[in-house]
Amino acid sequence: MKALKDGVAAYATELMMGVGAALVSVGAGIIYLPAGIITAGAMLLAGAVLSCLGGGKA
């Protein structure tokens, strides 16, 4: 259980970014489905760029 807690703590920022992107995409999709799909793609691209630029502690 401690390993799970440590793993979640290590990736908390990335998890919250992913959940936030999913909620924004779902919200846009509820209003207009193509907008939700486009928003999801834009969020995935932005997340990939941020991940590449961030570097991390690998």
PDB file of N, CA and C in Angstrom:
ATOM      1  N   MET A   1       0.820  -1.191   0.000  1.00  0.00           N
ATOM      2  CA  MET A   1       0.000   0.000   0.000  1.00  0.00           C
ATOM      3  C   MET A   1       0.867   1.260   0.000  1.00  0.00           C
ATOM      4  N   LYS A   2       2.001   1.178   0.705  1.00  0.00           N
ATOM      5  CA  LYS A   2       2.892   2.325   0.739  1.00  0.00           C
ATOM      6  C   LYS A   2       3.484   2.602  -0.640  1.00  0.00           C
ATOM      7  N   ALA A   3       3.777   1.545  -1.386  1.00  0.00           N
ATOM      8  CA  ALA A   3       4.333   1.731  -2.726  1.00  0.00           C
ATOM      9  C   ALA A   3       3.326   2.426  -3.641  1.00  0.00           C
ATOM     10  N   LEU A   4       2.052   2.085  -3.508  1.00  0.00           N
ATOM     11  CA  LEU A   4       1.013   2.737  -4.300  1.00  0.00           C
ATOM     12  C   LEU A   4       0.910   4.210  -3.933  1.00  0.00           C
ATOM     13  N   LYS A   5       0.950   4.489  -2.640  1.00  0.00           N
ATOM     14  CA  LYS A   5       0.858   5.871  -2.166  1.00  0.00           C
ATOM     15  C   LYS A   5       2.050   6.691  -2.663  1.00  0.00           C
ATOM     16  N   ASP A   6       3.241   6.101  -2.620  1.00  0.00           N
ATOM     17  CA  ASP A   6       4.440   6.788  -3.110  1.00  0.00           C
ATOM     18  C   ASP A   6       4.379   7.013  -4.617  1.00  0.00           C
ATOM     19  N   GLY A   7       3.842   6.030  -5.341  1.00  0.00           N
ATOM     20  CA  GLY A   7       3.712   6.166  -6.786  1.00  0.00           C
ATOM     21  C   GLY A   7       2.745   7.263  -7.180  1.00  0.00           C
ATOM     22  N   VAL A   8       1.623   7.330  -6.479  1.00  0.00           N
ATOM     23  CA  VAL A   8       0.639   8.382  -6.760  1.00  0.00           C
ATOM     24  C   VAL A   8       1.220   9.742  -6.414  1.00  0.00           C
ATOM     25  N   ALA A   9       1.941   9.833  -5.302  1.00  0.00           N
ATOM     26  CA  ALA A   9       2.541  11.105  -4.905  1.00  0.00           C
ATOM     27  C   ALA A   9       3.588  11.564  -5.916  1.00  0.00           C
ATOM     28  N   ALA A  10       4.325  10.619  -6.482  1.00  0.00           N
ATOM     29  CA  ALA A  10       5.367  10.975  -7.447  1.00  0.00           C
ATOM     30  C   ALA A  10       4.780  11.507  -8.749  1.00  0.00           C
ATOM     31  N   TYR A  11       3.607  11.033  -9.113  1.00  0.00           N
ATOM     32  CA  TYR A  11       2.993  11.434 -10.378  1.00  0.00           C
ATOM     33  C   TYR A  11       1.723  12.254 -10.185  1.00  0.00           C
ATOM     34  N   ALA A  12       1.568  12.901  -9.051  1.00  0.00           N
ATOM     35  CA  ALA A  12       0.343  13.640  -8.753  1.00  0.00           C
ATOM     36  C   ALA A  12       0.085  14.753  -9.765  1.00  0.00           C
ATOM     37  N   THR A  13       1.115  15.478 -10.148  1.00  0.00           N
ATOM     38  CA  THR A  13       0.943  16.575 -11.103  1.00  0.00           C
ATOM     39  C   THR A  13       0.463  16.057 -12.451  1.00  0.00           C
ATOM     40  N   GLU A  14       1.076  14.990 -12.928  1.00  0.00           N
ATOM     41  CA  GLU A  14       0.676  14.440 -14.217  1.00  0.00           C
ATOM     42  C   GLU A  14      -0.739  13.870 -14.168  1.00  0.00           C
ATOM     43  N   LEU A  15      -1.077  13.226 -13.047  1.00  0.00           N
ATOM     44  CA  LEU A  15      -2.426  12.685 -12.899  1.00  0.00           C
ATOM     45  C   LEU A  15      -3.473  13.789 -12.909  1.00  0.00           C
ATOM     46  N   MET A  16      -3.204  14.861 -12.186  1.00  0.00           N
ATOM     47  CA  MET A  16      -4.165  15.966 -12.135  1.00  0.00           C
ATOM     48  C   MET A  16      -4.280  16.656 -13.488  1.00  0.00           C
ATOM     49  N   MET A  17      -3.165  16.760 -14.208  1.00  0.00           N
ATOM     50  CA  MET A  17      -3.205  17.351 -15.542  1.00  0.00           C
ATOM     51  C   MET A  17      -4.053  16.493 -16.477  1.00  0.00           C
ATOM     52  N   GLY A  18      -3.906  15.182 -16.385  1.00  0.00           N
ATOM     53  CA  GLY A  18      -4.697  14.284 -17.224  1.00  0.00           C
ATOM     54  C   GLY A  18      -6.173  14.318 -16.889  1.00  0.00           C
ATOM     55  N   VAL A  19      -6.493  14.336 -15.602  1.00  0.00           N
ATOM     56  CA  VAL A  19      -7.896  14.407 -15.185  1.00  0.00           C
ATOM     57  C   VAL A  19      -8.505  15.738 -15.603  1.00  0.00           C
ATOM     58  N   GLY A  20      -7.771  16.817 -15.443  1.00  0.00           N
ATOM     59  CA  GLY A  20      -8.273  18.132 -15.862  1.00  0.00           C
ATOM     60  C   GLY A  20      -8.524  18.199 -17.359  1.00  0.00           C
ATOM     61  N   ALA A  21      -7.605  17.651 -18.138  1.00  0.00           N
ATOM     62  CA  ALA A  21      -7.770  17.642 -19.592  1.00  0.00           C
ATOM     63  C   ALA A  21      -8.981  16.807 -19.995  1.00  0.00           C
ATOM     64  N   ALA A  22      -9.170  15.679 -19.325  1.00  0.00           N
ATOM     65  CA  ALA A  22     -10.330  14.835 -19.625  1.00  0.00           C
ATOM     66  C   ALA A  22     -11.634  15.558 -19.292  1.00  0.00           C
ATOM     67  N   LEU A  23     -11.668  16.247 -18.166  1.00  0.00           N
ATOM     68  CA  LEU A  23     -12.898  16.960 -17.787  1.00  0.00           C
ATOM     69  C   LEU A  23     -13.209  18.110 -18.741  1.00  0.00           C
ATOM     70  N   VAL A  24     -12.184  18.828 -19.171  1.00  0.00           N
ATOM     71  CA  VAL A  24     -12.410  19.913 -20.137  1.00  0.00           C
ATOM     72  C   VAL A  24     -12.916  19.337 -21.458  1.00  0.00           C
ATOM     73  N   SER A  25     -12.331  18.233 -21.905  1.00  0.00           N
ATOM     74  CA  SER A  25     -12.747  17.618 -23.168  1.00  0.00           C
ATOM     75  C   SER A  25     -14.171  17.082 -23.088  1.00  0.00           C
ATOM     76  N   VAL A  26     -14.512  16.452 -21.973  1.00  0.00           N
ATOM     77  CA  VAL A  26     -15.881  15.946 -21.807  1.00  0.00           C
ATOM     78  C   VAL A  26     -16.868  17.105 -21.761  1.00  0.00           C
ATOM     79  N   GLY A  27     -16.518  18.167 -21.070  1.00  0.00           N
ATOM     80  CA  GLY A  27     -17.401  19.334 -21.008  1.00  0.00           C
ATOM     81  C   GLY A  27     -17.640  19.940 -22.377  1.00  0.00           C
ATOM     82  N   ALA A  28     -16.577  20.057 -23.165  1.00  0.00           N
ATOM     83  CA  ALA A  28     -16.743  20.584 -24.521  1.00  0.00           C
ATOM     84  C   ALA A  28     -17.543  19.608 -25.379  1.00  0.00           C
ATOM     85  N   GLY A  29     -17.342  18.305 -25.161  1.00  0.00           N
ATOM     86  CA  GLY A  29     -18.078  17.301 -25.924  1.00  0.00           C
ATOM     87  C   GLY A  29     -19.556  17.278 -25.598  1.00  0.00           C
ATOM     88  N   ILE A  30     -19.908  17.616 -24.363  1.00  0.00           N
ATOM     89  CA  ILE A  30     -21.323  17.691 -23.999  1.00  0.00           C
ATOM     90  C   ILE A  30     -22.000  18.828 -24.752  1.00  0.00           C
ATOM     91  N   ILE A  31     -21.288  19.916 -24.929  1.00  0.00           N
ATOM     92  CA  ILE A  31     -21.846  21.054 -25.654  1.00  0.00           C
ATOM     93  C   ILE A  31     -21.929  20.745 -27.151  1.00  0.00           C
ATOM     94  N   TYR A  32     -20.826  20.234 -27.711  1.00  0.00           N
ATOM     95  CA  TYR A  32     -20.753  19.970 -29.148  1.00  0.00           C
ATOM     96  C   TYR A  32     -19.687  18.900 -29.367  1.00  0.00           C
ATOM     97  N   LEU A  33     -20.090  17.713 -29.790  1.00  0.00           N
ATOM     98  CA  LEU A  33     -19.200  16.552 -29.865  1.00  0.00           C
ATOM     99  C   LEU A  33     -17.903  16.796 -30.638  1.00  0.00           C
ATOM    100  N   PRO A  34     -17.941  17.389 -31.831  1.00  0.00           N
ATOM    101  CA  PRO A  34     -16.657  17.617 -32.522  1.00  0.00           C
ATOM    102  C   PRO A  34     -15.718  18.531 -31.722  1.00  0.00           C
ATOM    103  N   ALA A  35     -16.266  19.476 -30.990  1.00  0.00           N
ATOM    104  CA  ALA A  35     -15.419  20.348 -30.164  1.00  0.00           C
ATOM    105  C   ALA A  35     -14.740  19.538 -29.069  1.00  0.00           C
ATOM    106  N   GLY A  36     -15.426  18.559 -28.524  1.00  0.00           N
ATOM    107  CA  GLY A  36     -14.827  17.708 -27.503  1.00  0.00           C
ATOM    108  C   GLY A  36     -13.690  16.875 -28.043  1.00  0.00           C
ATOM    109  N   ILE A  37     -13.848  16.354 -29.246  1.00  0.00           N
ATOM    110  CA  ILE A  37     -12.797  15.551 -29.874  1.00  0.00           C
ATOM    111  C   ILE A  37     -11.578  16.420 -30.199  1.00  0.00           C
ATOM    112  N   ILE A  38     -11.822  17.610 -30.728  1.00  0.00           N
ATOM    113  CA  ILE A  38     -10.726  18.526 -31.041  1.00  0.00           C
ATOM    114  C   ILE A  38     -10.012  18.957 -29.762  1.00  0.00           C
ATOM    115  N   THR A  39     -10.781  19.239 -28.716  1.00  0.00           N
ATOM    116  CA  THR A  39     -10.193  19.632 -27.437  1.00  0.00           C
ATOM    117  C   THR A  39      -9.342  18.510 -26.861  1.00  0.00           C
ATOM    118  N   ALA A  40      -9.818  17.279 -26.949  1.00  0.00           N
ATOM    119  CA  ALA A  40      -9.043  16.145 -26.447  1.00  0.00           C
ATOM    120  C   ALA A  40      -7.716  16.024 -27.193  1.00  0.00           C
ATOM    121  N   GLY A  41      -7.743  16.184 -28.500  1.00  0.00           N
ATOM    122  CA  GLY A  41      -6.506  16.129 -29.276  1.00  0.00           C
ATOM    123  C   GLY A  41      -5.552  17.246 -28.910  1.00  0.00           C
ATOM    124  N   ALA A  42      -6.078  18.439 -28.729  1.00  0.00           N
ATOM    125  CA  ALA A  42      -5.227  19.575 -28.349  1.00  0.00           C
ATOM    126  C   ALA A  42      -4.619  19.365 -26.965  1.00  0.00           C
ATOM    127  N   MET A  43      -5.409  18.822 -26.047  1.00  0.00           N
ATOM    128  CA  MET A  43      -4.893  18.557 -24.703  1.00  0.00           C
ATOM    129  C   MET A  43      -3.813  17.474 -24.726  1.00  0.00           C
ATOM    130  N   LEU A  44      -3.989  16.450 -25.549  1.00  0.00           N
ATOM    131  CA  LEU A  44      -2.964  15.405 -25.667  1.00  0.00           C
ATOM    132  C   LEU A  44      -1.664  15.964 -26.240  1.00  0.00           C
ATOM    133  N   LEU A  45      -1.788  16.821 -27.242  1.00  0.00           N
ATOM    134  CA  LEU A  45      -0.590  17.439 -27.808  1.00  0.00           C
ATOM    135  C   LEU A  45       0.100  18.336 -26.785  1.00  0.00           C
ATOM    136  N   ALA A  46      -0.670  19.125 -26.065  1.00  0.00           N
ATOM    137  CA  ALA A  46      -0.094  20.015 -25.052  1.00  0.00           C
ATOM    138  C   ALA A  46       0.578  19.204 -23.945  1.00  0.00           C
ATOM    139  N   GLY A  47      -0.047  18.114 -23.530  1.00  0.00           N
ATOM    140  CA  GLY A  47       0.545  17.263 -22.504  1.00  0.00           C
ATOM    141  C   GLY A  47       1.842  16.628 -22.968  1.00  0.00           C
ATOM    142  N   ALA A  48       1.903  16.225 -24.222  1.00  0.00           N
ATOM    143  CA  ALA A  48       3.129  15.636 -24.761  1.00  0.00           C
ATOM    144  C   ALA A  48       4.253  16.664 -24.809  1.00  0.00           C
ATOM    145  N   VAL A  49       3.927  17.879 -25.220  1.00  0.00           N
ATOM    146  CA  VAL A  49       4.937  18.932 -25.270  1.00  0.00           C
ATOM    147  C   VAL A  49       5.431  19.257 -23.858  1.00  0.00           C
ATOM    148  N   LEU A  50       4.524  19.390 -22.899  1.00  0.00           N
ATOM    149  CA  LEU A  50       4.928  19.684 -21.541  1.00  0.00           C
ATOM    150  C   LEU A  50       5.762  18.554 -20.953  1.00  0.00           C
ATOM    151  N   SER A  51       5.417  17.337 -21.273  1.00  0.00           N
ATOM    152  CA  SER A  51       6.175  16.193 -20.784  1.00  0.00           C
ATOM    153  C   SER A  51       7.589  16.190 -21.358  1.00  0.00           C
ATOM    154  N   CYS A  52       7.716  16.496 -22.632  1.00  0.00           N
ATOM    155  CA  CYS A  52       9.048  16.544 -23.259  1.00  0.00           C
ATOM    156  C   CYS A  52       9.892  17.686 -22.706  1.00  0.00           C
ATOM    157  N   LEU A  53       9.277  18.833 -22.492  1.00  0.00           N
ATOM    158  CA  LEU A  53      10.021  19.991 -22.011  1.00  0.00           C
ATOM    159  C   LEU A  53      10.354  19.863 -20.518  1.00  0.00           C
ATOM    160  N   GLY A  54       9.499  19.174 -19.771  1.00  0.00           N
ATOM    161  CA  GLY A  54       9.694  19.071 -18.333  1.00  0.00           C
ATOM    162  C   GLY A  54      10.909  18.267 -17.949  1.00  0.00           C
ATOM    163  N   GLY A  55      11.200  17.247 -18.677  1.00  0.00           N
ATOM    164  CA  GLY A  55      12.369  16.435 -18.384  1.00  0.00           C
ATOM    165  C   GLY A  55      12.116  15.405 -17.294  1.00  0.00           C
ATOM    166  N   GLY A  56      11.826  15.840 -16.106  1.00  0.00           N
ATOM    167  CA  GLY A  56      11.553  14.917 -15.006  1.00  0.00           C
ATOM    168  C   GLY A  56      12.819  14.455 -14.324  1.00  0.00           C
ATOM    169  N   LYS A  57      12.628  13.542 -13.375  1.00  0.00           N
ATOM    170  CA  LYS A  57      13.743  13.020 -12.570  1.00  0.00           C
ATOM    171  C   LYS A  57      14.043  11.576 -12.936  1.00  0.00           C
ATOM    172  N   ALA A  58      14.252  11.278 -14.179  1.00  0.00           N
ATOM    173  CA  ALA A  58      14.478   9.906 -14.618  1.00  0.00           C
ATOM    174  C   ALA A  58      15.817   9.392 -14.299  1.00  0.00           C
TER     175      ALA A  58
END
